[in-house]
Amino acid sequence: MRNHTRGRKPFFLLFIAFFFLIGWLVMFLWNAILPDLLGIKQIGYWQSIGLLALCRILFGHFGFKGRPGPGGRFGGGERFKERMMNMTDEERERLQRLWRNKCS
């Protein structure tokens, strides 16, 4: 039998090291900038890890999922631009009214 976990071990160790490095970086930047700028207390390492976890809960991913495809986040992209360019004035006005009603 072949051992399929052999290649995962270095990746897992690298992930753990990266996690601890990011925690240290958050702590360093917080303590270097915010106490002087806003007059707040400095934080410790485990508080920075907790802050990262809180950000993950509140905002989702940390940006490691990569950029969206050519359509952008909402899937429009070139097709959306083309549709907007080919709209008549009446269609454009109707769309603007629709968005004003939704956003107000």
N, C-alpha and C. Protein backbone atom coordinates (compact mmCIF):
# COMPACT_ATOMS: atom_id res chain seq x y z
N MET A 1 0.83 -1.18 0.00
CA MET A 1 0.00 0.00 0.00
C MET A 1 0.87 1.24 0.00
N ARG A 2 0.38 2.23 -0.68
CA ARG A 2 1.12 3.48 -0.75
C ARG A 2 0.65 4.43 0.35
N ASN A 3 1.56 5.23 0.83
CA ASN A 3 1.24 6.21 1.87
C ASN A 3 0.89 7.53 1.20
N HIS A 4 -0.39 7.90 1.22
CA HIS A 4 -0.85 9.12 0.55
C HIS A 4 -0.74 10.35 1.43
N THR A 5 -0.39 10.22 2.68
CA THR A 5 -0.31 11.37 3.58
C THR A 5 1.09 11.98 3.60
N ARG A 6 2.03 11.36 2.93
CA ARG A 6 3.41 11.84 2.98
C ARG A 6 3.54 13.25 2.41
N GLY A 7 2.87 13.56 1.32
CA GLY A 7 2.97 14.88 0.70
C GLY A 7 2.18 15.95 1.43
N ARG A 8 1.26 15.58 2.27
CA ARG A 8 0.43 16.56 2.97
C ARG A 8 1.10 17.13 4.21
N LYS A 9 2.03 16.40 4.77
CA LYS A 9 2.66 16.83 6.02
C LYS A 9 3.40 18.16 5.87
N PRO A 10 4.26 18.33 4.86
CA PRO A 10 4.92 19.64 4.73
C PRO A 10 3.92 20.78 4.49
N PHE A 11 2.87 20.51 3.73
CA PHE A 11 1.88 21.54 3.48
C PHE A 11 1.19 21.93 4.77
N PHE A 12 0.84 20.95 5.60
CA PHE A 12 0.17 21.22 6.87
C PHE A 12 1.08 22.03 7.79
N LEU A 13 2.35 21.68 7.85
CA LEU A 13 3.30 22.42 8.69
C LEU A 13 3.49 23.84 8.17
N LEU A 14 3.51 23.98 6.87
CA LEU A 14 3.63 25.30 6.27
C LEU A 14 2.40 26.15 6.59
N PHE A 15 1.22 25.53 6.54
CA PHE A 15 -0.02 26.23 6.88
C PHE A 15 0.00 26.70 8.32
N ILE A 16 0.43 25.85 9.24
CA ILE A 16 0.50 26.21 10.66
C ILE A 16 1.50 27.36 10.86
N ALA A 17 2.65 27.29 10.22
CA ALA A 17 3.65 28.35 10.34
C ALA A 17 3.10 29.66 9.78
N PHE A 18 2.40 29.59 8.67
CA PHE A 18 1.81 30.78 8.06
C PHE A 18 0.75 31.38 8.99
N PHE A 19 -0.06 30.53 9.62
CA PHE A 19 -1.09 30.99 10.55
C PHE A 19 -0.45 31.76 11.71
N PHE A 20 0.61 31.22 12.30
CA PHE A 20 1.27 31.90 13.41
C PHE A 20 1.96 33.18 12.95
N LEU A 21 2.49 33.18 11.74
CA LEU A 21 3.12 34.38 11.20
C LEU A 21 2.10 35.49 10.99
N ILE A 22 0.93 35.15 10.46
CA ILE A 22 -0.12 36.14 10.26
C ILE A 22 -0.58 36.71 11.60
N GLY A 23 -0.71 35.86 12.62
CA GLY A 23 -1.07 36.34 13.96
C GLY A 23 -0.06 37.32 14.50
N TRP A 24 1.22 37.02 14.30
CA TRP A 24 2.28 37.92 14.77
C TRP A 24 2.22 39.22 13.98
N LEU A 25 1.97 39.14 12.67
CA LEU A 25 1.91 40.34 11.85
C LEU A 25 0.76 41.25 12.27
N VAL A 26 -0.40 40.67 12.55
CA VAL A 26 -1.54 41.47 13.02
C VAL A 26 -1.19 42.16 14.34
N MET A 27 -0.59 41.42 15.26
CA MET A 27 -0.21 41.99 16.55
C MET A 27 0.80 43.13 16.35
N PHE A 28 1.79 42.91 15.52
CA PHE A 28 2.83 43.91 15.28
C PHE A 28 2.23 45.19 14.69
N LEU A 29 1.40 45.03 13.66
CA LEU A 29 0.81 46.21 13.01
C LEU A 29 -0.15 46.95 13.94
N TRP A 30 -0.94 46.20 14.70
CA TRP A 30 -1.87 46.82 15.65
C TRP A 30 -1.08 47.65 16.67
N ASN A 31 -0.05 47.03 17.27
CA ASN A 31 0.71 47.70 18.32
C ASN A 31 1.58 48.83 17.78
N ALA A 32 1.95 48.76 16.52
CA ALA A 32 2.78 49.81 15.94
C ALA A 32 1.97 51.02 15.50
N ILE A 33 0.72 50.82 15.14
CA ILE A 33 -0.06 51.91 14.54
C ILE A 33 -1.17 52.43 15.46
N LEU A 34 -2.02 51.55 15.93
CA LEU A 34 -3.26 51.99 16.58
C LEU A 34 -3.11 52.67 17.94
N PRO A 35 -2.21 52.23 18.83
CA PRO A 35 -2.12 52.94 20.11
C PRO A 35 -1.75 54.42 19.97
N ASP A 36 -0.82 54.74 19.07
CA ASP A 36 -0.45 56.14 18.87
C ASP A 36 -1.52 56.90 18.11
N LEU A 37 -2.15 56.24 17.15
CA LEU A 37 -3.13 56.90 16.30
C LEU A 37 -4.46 57.14 16.99
N LEU A 38 -4.96 56.11 17.70
CA LEU A 38 -6.28 56.21 18.30
C LEU A 38 -6.27 56.18 19.82
N GLY A 39 -5.11 55.97 20.44
CA GLY A 39 -5.02 55.95 21.89
C GLY A 39 -5.63 54.71 22.52
N ILE A 40 -5.59 53.57 21.83
CA ILE A 40 -6.13 52.33 22.39
C ILE A 40 -4.99 51.47 22.91
N LYS A 41 -5.35 50.44 23.69
CA LYS A 41 -4.33 49.59 24.30
C LYS A 41 -3.69 48.67 23.28
N GLN A 42 -2.49 48.23 23.61
CA GLN A 42 -1.82 47.23 22.77
C GLN A 42 -2.45 45.87 23.01
N ILE A 43 -2.27 44.96 22.06
CA ILE A 43 -2.82 43.62 22.19
C ILE A 43 -1.69 42.60 22.22
N GLY A 44 -1.99 41.43 22.77
CA GLY A 44 -1.04 40.34 22.80
C GLY A 44 -1.22 39.42 21.60
N TYR A 45 -0.38 38.40 21.54
CA TYR A 45 -0.40 37.49 20.39
C TYR A 45 -1.74 36.75 20.29
N TRP A 46 -2.22 36.20 21.39
CA TRP A 46 -3.45 35.42 21.34
C TRP A 46 -4.68 36.30 21.08
N GLN A 47 -4.59 37.56 21.49
CA GLN A 47 -5.67 38.49 21.14
C GLN A 47 -5.69 38.76 19.64
N SER A 48 -4.51 38.81 19.02
CA SER A 48 -4.46 39.01 17.57
C SER A 48 -5.02 37.79 16.84
N ILE A 49 -4.78 36.59 17.37
CA ILE A 49 -5.36 35.38 16.78
C ILE A 49 -6.88 35.42 16.91
N GLY A 50 -7.36 35.85 18.08
CA GLY A 50 -8.80 36.00 18.28
C GLY A 50 -9.41 37.04 17.35
N LEU A 51 -8.67 38.12 17.11
CA LEU A 51 -9.14 39.15 16.18
C LEU A 51 -9.24 38.59 14.76
N LEU A 52 -8.28 37.78 14.36
CA LEU A 52 -8.34 37.13 13.05
C LEU A 52 -9.56 36.20 12.95
N ALA A 53 -9.81 35.45 14.01
CA ALA A 53 -10.97 34.55 14.02
C ALA A 53 -12.27 35.35 13.94
N LEU A 54 -12.33 36.46 14.66
CA LEU A 54 -13.52 37.31 14.61
C LEU A 54 -13.73 37.88 13.21
N CYS A 55 -12.66 38.31 12.57
CA CYS A 55 -12.76 38.81 11.20
C CYS A 55 -13.26 37.72 10.27
N ARG A 56 -12.80 36.51 10.48
CA ARG A 56 -13.24 35.39 9.65
C ARG A 56 -14.74 35.16 9.82
N ILE A 57 -15.22 35.24 11.06
CA ILE A 57 -16.64 35.04 11.32
C ILE A 57 -17.47 36.16 10.71
N LEU A 58 -17.02 37.41 10.88
CA LEU A 58 -17.81 38.55 10.43
C LEU A 58 -17.75 38.78 8.93
N PHE A 59 -16.59 38.60 8.34
CA PHE A 59 -16.41 39.00 6.95
C PHE A 59 -16.19 37.84 5.98
N GLY A 60 -16.16 36.62 6.46
CA GLY A 60 -15.96 35.50 5.55
C GLY A 60 -14.49 35.17 5.38
N HIS A 61 -14.05 35.04 4.17
CA HIS A 61 -12.66 34.62 3.92
C HIS A 61 -11.69 35.78 4.10
N PHE A 62 -10.41 35.47 4.16
CA PHE A 62 -9.37 36.47 4.30
C PHE A 62 -8.84 36.94 2.95
N GLY A 63 -9.46 36.53 1.87
CA GLY A 63 -8.98 36.91 0.56
C GLY A 63 -8.12 35.85 -0.08
N PHE A 64 -8.08 34.65 0.47
CA PHE A 64 -7.23 33.60 -0.07
C PHE A 64 -7.93 32.77 -1.14
N LYS A 65 -9.17 33.10 -1.48
CA LYS A 65 -9.91 32.30 -2.44
C LYS A 65 -9.59 32.70 -3.88
N GLY A 66 -8.78 33.68 -4.08
CA GLY A 66 -8.43 34.10 -5.42
C GLY A 66 -9.42 35.13 -5.95
N ARG A 67 -9.06 35.68 -7.05
CA ARG A 67 -9.92 36.68 -7.68
C ARG A 67 -11.03 36.00 -8.44
N PRO A 68 -12.16 36.67 -8.54
CA PRO A 68 -13.24 36.10 -9.34
C PRO A 68 -12.85 36.06 -10.81
N GLY A 69 -13.59 35.33 -11.56
CA GLY A 69 -13.32 35.18 -12.98
C GLY A 69 -13.57 36.46 -13.75
N PRO A 70 -13.59 36.38 -15.07
CA PRO A 70 -13.73 37.57 -15.89
C PRO A 70 -15.05 38.30 -15.69
N GLY A 71 -16.04 37.61 -15.16
CA GLY A 71 -17.32 38.24 -14.93
C GLY A 71 -17.36 39.08 -13.68
N GLY A 72 -16.31 39.05 -12.87
CA GLY A 72 -16.30 39.79 -11.63
C GLY A 72 -17.09 39.04 -10.57
N ARG A 73 -17.29 39.71 -9.45
CA ARG A 73 -17.97 39.06 -8.33
C ARG A 73 -19.42 38.73 -8.66
N PHE A 74 -20.08 39.58 -9.41
CA PHE A 74 -21.49 39.40 -9.67
C PHE A 74 -21.78 38.81 -11.04
N GLY A 75 -20.76 38.45 -11.79
CA GLY A 75 -20.96 37.70 -13.02
C GLY A 75 -21.28 38.53 -14.25
N GLY A 76 -21.18 39.85 -14.21
CA GLY A 76 -21.55 40.67 -15.36
C GLY A 76 -20.45 40.75 -16.39
N GLY A 77 -19.41 41.45 -16.09
CA GLY A 77 -18.27 41.57 -16.96
C GLY A 77 -18.59 42.17 -18.31
N GLU A 78 -18.01 41.60 -19.34
CA GLU A 78 -18.17 42.11 -20.69
C GLU A 78 -19.62 42.02 -21.17
N ARG A 79 -20.30 40.96 -20.80
CA ARG A 79 -21.68 40.81 -21.22
C ARG A 79 -22.55 41.94 -20.67
N PHE A 80 -22.32 42.32 -19.40
CA PHE A 80 -23.08 43.41 -18.79
C PHE A 80 -22.79 44.73 -19.50
N LYS A 81 -21.51 44.99 -19.79
CA LYS A 81 -21.14 46.22 -20.49
C LYS A 81 -21.79 46.28 -21.86
N GLU A 82 -21.79 45.16 -22.54
CA GLU A 82 -22.40 45.12 -23.87
C GLU A 82 -23.90 45.40 -23.80
N ARG A 83 -24.58 44.82 -22.82
CA ARG A 83 -26.02 45.05 -22.67
C ARG A 83 -26.30 46.51 -22.33
N MET A 84 -25.46 47.11 -21.49
CA MET A 84 -25.66 48.52 -21.13
C MET A 84 -25.45 49.43 -22.35
N MET A 85 -24.48 49.12 -23.19
CA MET A 85 -24.21 49.93 -24.36
C MET A 85 -25.34 49.83 -25.39
N ASN A 86 -26.01 48.69 -25.45
CA ASN A 86 -27.06 48.47 -26.44
C ASN A 86 -28.45 48.86 -25.95
N MET A 87 -28.56 49.41 -24.74
CA MET A 87 -29.87 49.79 -24.20
C MET A 87 -30.36 51.07 -24.86
N THR A 88 -31.66 51.14 -25.01
CA THR A 88 -32.26 52.39 -25.46
C THR A 88 -32.37 53.33 -24.28
N ASP A 89 -32.65 54.59 -24.57
CA ASP A 89 -32.79 55.58 -23.49
C ASP A 89 -33.94 55.21 -22.56
N GLU A 90 -35.00 54.68 -23.12
CA GLU A 90 -36.16 54.28 -22.32
C GLU A 90 -35.81 53.13 -21.38
N GLU A 91 -35.07 52.14 -21.88
CA GLU A 91 -34.66 51.00 -21.03
C GLU A 91 -33.70 51.47 -19.93
N ARG A 92 -32.80 52.37 -20.30
CA ARG A 92 -31.84 52.88 -19.32
C ARG A 92 -32.56 53.64 -18.21
N GLU A 93 -33.55 54.45 -18.58
CA GLU A 93 -34.32 55.20 -17.59
C GLU A 93 -35.11 54.26 -16.68
N ARG A 94 -35.70 53.21 -17.26
CA ARG A 94 -36.44 52.23 -16.46
C ARG A 94 -35.52 51.52 -15.46
N LEU A 95 -34.33 51.17 -15.91
CA LEU A 95 -33.36 50.53 -15.03
C LEU A 95 -32.94 51.46 -13.88
N GLN A 96 -32.73 52.75 -14.21
CA GLN A 96 -32.36 53.71 -13.17
C GLN A 96 -33.46 53.86 -12.13
N ARG A 97 -34.73 53.92 -12.59
CA ARG A 97 -35.85 54.00 -11.64
C ARG A 97 -35.91 52.77 -10.75
N LEU A 98 -35.70 51.60 -11.36
CA LEU A 98 -35.72 50.34 -10.61
C LEU A 98 -34.67 50.35 -9.52
N TRP A 99 -33.44 50.77 -9.84
CA TRP A 99 -32.35 50.80 -8.86
C TRP A 99 -32.59 51.87 -7.80
N ARG A 100 -33.16 53.00 -8.18
CA ARG A 100 -33.48 54.03 -7.17
C ARG A 100 -34.49 53.50 -6.16
N ASN A 101 -35.50 52.77 -6.66
CA ASN A 101 -36.52 52.21 -5.76
C ASN A 101 -35.92 51.15 -4.84
N LYS A 102 -35.01 50.36 -5.37
CA LYS A 102 -34.39 49.31 -4.55
C LYS A 102 -33.46 49.88 -3.50
N CYS A 103 -32.74 50.94 -3.85
CA CYS A 103 -31.71 51.49 -2.96
C CYS A 103 -32.24 52.52 -1.98
N SER A 104 -33.45 52.98 -2.16
CA SER A 104 -33.94 54.01 -1.23
C SER A 104 -34.87 53.43 -0.19
